Amino acid sequence: MILAVFNAECEKKGFQDNMRILTFLTFVIAMAFMVGMDIFLFSEDVLYGIGGVIGIIGFFIAYSISGEMIIAPRDYWRLSSWEVFKKKFGYGFTTYFLVTLVAAGLLGAIC
């Protein structure tokens, strides 16, 4: 209860702008990691690199639909904005790794 009141006060005072900056920086770092991993996969084999590109696409799809899939409506008012972001980001990143692993494995096994 106290945390919910604190979050409401923070959002009134403009701390929401800091959250936007933090999420943007997190996305930039994550994209740099995913592109770096994809470059590594392309250096190993082109089919593995294509699997990495499919994984990046899977990340964006999973992140965009994670709000409806894994977050309960009460989490938006019970948890802080950062906690909700961590849940959505974790879901997207897990999907990235799994889709990359499966796609690269299947494409590597086909050829």
C-alpha atoms as a PDB file:
ATOM      1  CA  MET A   1       0.000   0.000   0.000  1.00  0.00           C
ATOM      2  CA  ILE A   2       2.771   2.414   0.912  1.00  0.00           C
ATOM      3  CA  LEU A   3       4.625   1.534  -2.285  1.00  0.00           C
ATOM      4  CA  ALA A   4       1.543   2.283  -4.400  1.00  0.00           C
ATOM      5  CA  VAL A   5       1.179   5.710  -2.761  1.00  0.00           C
ATOM      6  CA  PHE A   6       4.891   6.401  -3.269  1.00  0.00           C
ATOM      7  CA  ASN A   7       4.682   5.425  -6.947  1.00  0.00           C
ATOM      8  CA  ALA A   8       1.673   7.687  -7.439  1.00  0.00           C
ATOM      9  CA  GLU A   9       3.547  10.606  -5.864  1.00  0.00           C
ATOM     10  CA  CYS A  10       6.644   9.938  -7.972  1.00  0.00           C
ATOM     11  CA  GLU A  11       4.628   9.907 -11.169  1.00  0.00           C
ATOM     12  CA  LYS A  12       2.998  13.209 -10.216  1.00  0.00           C
ATOM     13  CA  LYS A  13       6.398  14.824  -9.685  1.00  0.00           C
ATOM     14  CA  GLY A  14       7.793  13.904 -13.076  1.00  0.00           C
ATOM     15  CA  PHE A  15       9.724  10.747 -12.232  1.00  0.00           C
ATOM     16  CA  GLN A  16       7.911   9.086 -15.125  1.00  0.00           C
ATOM     17  CA  ASP A  17      10.301  10.909 -17.480  1.00  0.00           C
ATOM     18  CA  ASN A  18      13.214   9.185 -15.742  1.00  0.00           C
ATOM     19  CA  MET A  19      11.506   5.855 -16.309  1.00  0.00           C
ATOM     20  CA  ARG A  20      11.247   6.573 -20.030  1.00  0.00           C
ATOM     21  CA  ILE A  21      14.966   7.351 -20.174  1.00  0.00           C
ATOM     22  CA  LEU A  22      15.804   4.194 -18.219  1.00  0.00           C
ATOM     23  CA  THR A  23      13.679   1.964 -20.454  1.00  0.00           C
ATOM     24  CA  PHE A  24      15.154   3.585 -23.572  1.00  0.00           C
ATOM     25  CA  LEU A  25      18.712   2.980 -22.362  1.00  0.00           C
ATOM     26  CA  THR A  26      17.848  -0.598 -21.455  1.00  0.00           C
ATOM     27  CA  PHE A  27      16.436  -1.171 -24.934  1.00  0.00           C
ATOM     28  CA  VAL A  28      19.544   0.337 -26.556  1.00  0.00           C
ATOM     29  CA  ILE A  29      21.841  -1.907 -24.521  1.00  0.00           C
ATOM     30  CA  ALA A  30      19.687  -4.960 -25.234  1.00  0.00           C
ATOM     31  CA  MET A  31      19.595  -4.214 -28.956  1.00  0.00           C
ATOM     32  CA  ALA A  32      23.378  -3.776 -28.984  1.00  0.00           C
ATOM     33  CA  PHE A  33      23.714  -7.156 -27.291  1.00  0.00           C
ATOM     34  CA  MET A  34      21.301  -8.837 -29.714  1.00  0.00           C
ATOM     35  CA  VAL A  35      22.987  -7.305 -32.780  1.00  0.00           C
ATOM     36  CA  GLY A  36      26.402  -8.315 -31.420  1.00  0.00           C
ATOM     37  CA  MET A  37      25.158 -11.845 -30.852  1.00  0.00           C
ATOM     38  CA  ASP A  38      23.727 -11.881 -34.366  1.00  0.00           C
ATOM     39  CA  ILE A  39      27.041 -10.717 -35.830  1.00  0.00           C
ATOM     40  CA  PHE A  40      28.737 -13.552 -33.967  1.00  0.00           C
ATOM     41  CA  LEU A  41      26.185 -16.023 -35.311  1.00  0.00           C
ATOM     42  CA  PHE A  42      26.683 -14.718 -38.867  1.00  0.00           C
ATOM     43  CA  SER A  43      30.437 -15.171 -38.455  1.00  0.00           C
ATOM     44  CA  GLU A  44      29.853 -18.826 -37.580  1.00  0.00           C
ATOM     45  CA  ASP A  45      27.353 -19.572 -40.363  1.00  0.00           C
ATOM     46  CA  VAL A  46      24.826 -17.602 -42.400  1.00  0.00           C
ATOM     47  CA  LEU A  47      21.979 -19.903 -41.349  1.00  0.00           C
ATOM     48  CA  TYR A  48      22.774 -19.330 -37.676  1.00  0.00           C
ATOM     49  CA  GLY A  49      22.702 -15.577 -38.346  1.00  0.00           C
ATOM     50  CA  ILE A  50      19.286 -15.871 -39.963  1.00  0.00           C
ATOM     51  CA  GLY A  51      18.159 -17.686 -36.816  1.00  0.00           C
ATOM     52  CA  GLY A  52      19.407 -14.688 -34.810  1.00  0.00           C
ATOM     53  CA  VAL A  53      17.403 -12.278 -36.959  1.00  0.00           C
ATOM     54  CA  ILE A  54      14.310 -14.420 -36.394  1.00  0.00           C
ATOM     55  CA  GLY A  55      15.058 -14.259 -32.659  1.00  0.00           C
ATOM     56  CA  ILE A  56      15.202 -10.446 -32.720  1.00  0.00           C
ATOM     57  CA  ILE A  57      11.834 -10.370 -34.473  1.00  0.00           C
ATOM     58  CA  GLY A  58      10.532 -12.776 -31.820  1.00  0.00           C
ATOM     59  CA  PHE A  59      11.770 -10.413 -29.085  1.00  0.00           C
ATOM     60  CA  PHE A  60       9.771  -7.487 -30.438  1.00  0.00           C
ATOM     61  CA  ILE A  61       6.643  -9.584 -30.906  1.00  0.00           C
ATOM     62  CA  ALA A  62       6.920 -11.090 -27.424  1.00  0.00           C
ATOM     63  CA  TYR A  63       7.558  -7.721 -25.770  1.00  0.00           C
ATOM     64  CA  SER A  64       4.596  -6.133 -27.511  1.00  0.00           C
ATOM     65  CA  ILE A  65       2.125  -8.858 -26.497  1.00  0.00           C
ATOM     66  CA  SER A  66       3.559  -9.517 -23.028  1.00  0.00           C
ATOM     67  CA  GLY A  67       1.344  -6.864 -21.463  1.00  0.00           C
ATOM     68  CA  GLU A  68      -1.717  -8.970 -22.193  1.00  0.00           C
ATOM     69  CA  MET A  69      -0.125 -12.375 -21.651  1.00  0.00           C
ATOM     70  CA  ILE A  70       1.889 -12.305 -18.435  1.00  0.00           C
ATOM     71  CA  ILE A  71       0.915  -9.165 -16.562  1.00  0.00           C
ATOM     72  CA  ALA A  72      -2.238  -9.175 -14.502  1.00  0.00           C
ATOM     73  CA  PRO A  73      -4.279  -5.952 -14.586  1.00  0.00           C
ATOM     74  CA  ARG A  74      -3.623  -5.411 -10.887  1.00  0.00           C
ATOM     75  CA  ASP A  75       0.132  -5.403 -11.531  1.00  0.00           C
ATOM     76  CA  TYR A  76      -0.152  -2.060 -13.285  1.00  0.00           C
ATOM     77  CA  TRP A  77      -1.268  -0.341 -10.098  1.00  0.00           C
ATOM     78  CA  ARG A  78       0.334  -2.651  -7.515  1.00  0.00           C
ATOM     79  CA  LEU A  79       3.856  -2.811  -8.950  1.00  0.00           C
ATOM     80  CA  SER A  80       6.129   0.035  -9.873  1.00  0.00           C
ATOM     81  CA  SER A  81       6.634   0.927 -13.519  1.00  0.00           C
ATOM     82  CA  TRP A  82      10.108  -0.579 -13.343  1.00  0.00           C
ATOM     83  CA  GLU A  83       8.784  -3.923 -12.067  1.00  0.00           C
ATOM     84  CA  VAL A  84       6.212  -4.088 -14.872  1.00  0.00           C
ATOM     85  CA  PHE A  85       8.930  -3.244 -17.396  1.00  0.00           C
ATOM     86  CA  LYS A  86      11.212  -5.955 -15.971  1.00  0.00           C
ATOM     87  CA  LYS A  87       8.453  -8.548 -16.374  1.00  0.00           C
ATOM     88  CA  LYS A  88       7.755  -7.542 -19.973  1.00  0.00           C
ATOM     89  CA  PHE A  89      11.443  -7.294 -20.834  1.00  0.00           C
ATOM     90  CA  GLY A  90      12.223 -10.653 -19.252  1.00  0.00           C
ATOM     91  CA  TYR A  91       9.467 -12.292 -21.268  1.00  0.00           C
ATOM     92  CA  GLY A  92      10.773 -10.728 -24.476  1.00  0.00           C
ATOM     93  CA  PHE A  93      14.384 -11.657 -23.778  1.00  0.00           C
ATOM     94  CA  THR A  94      13.503 -15.244 -22.892  1.00  0.00           C
ATOM     95  CA  THR A  95      11.604 -15.494 -26.154  1.00  0.00           C
ATOM     96  CA  TYR A  96      14.602 -14.050 -28.009  1.00  0.00           C
ATOM     97  CA  PHE A  97      16.947 -16.713 -26.648  1.00  0.00           C
ATOM     98  CA  LEU A  98      14.556 -19.596 -27.208  1.00  0.00           C
ATOM     99  CA  VAL A  99      13.531 -18.548 -30.722  1.00  0.00           C
ATOM    100  CA  THR A 100      17.172 -17.925 -31.694  1.00  0.00           C
ATOM    101  CA  LEU A 101      18.202 -21.309 -30.325  1.00  0.00           C
ATOM    102  CA  VAL A 102      15.383 -23.194 -32.056  1.00  0.00           C
ATOM    103  CA  ALA A 103      15.623 -21.299 -35.367  1.00  0.00           C
ATOM    104  CA  ALA A 104      19.410 -21.550 -35.572  1.00  0.00           C
ATOM    105  CA  GLY A 105      19.262 -25.234 -34.648  1.00  0.00           C
ATOM    106  CA  LEU A 106      16.588 -26.034 -37.198  1.00  0.00           C
ATOM    107  CA  LEU A 107      18.223 -24.020 -39.971  1.00  0.00           C
ATOM    108  CA  GLY A 108      21.600 -25.563 -39.161  1.00  0.00           C
ATOM    109  CA  ALA A 109      20.144 -29.074 -39.169  1.00  0.00           C
ATOM    110  CA  ILE A 110      18.346 -28.571 -42.482  1.00  0.00           C
ATOM    111  CA  CYS A 111      21.488 -27.699 -44.456  1.00  0.00           C
END
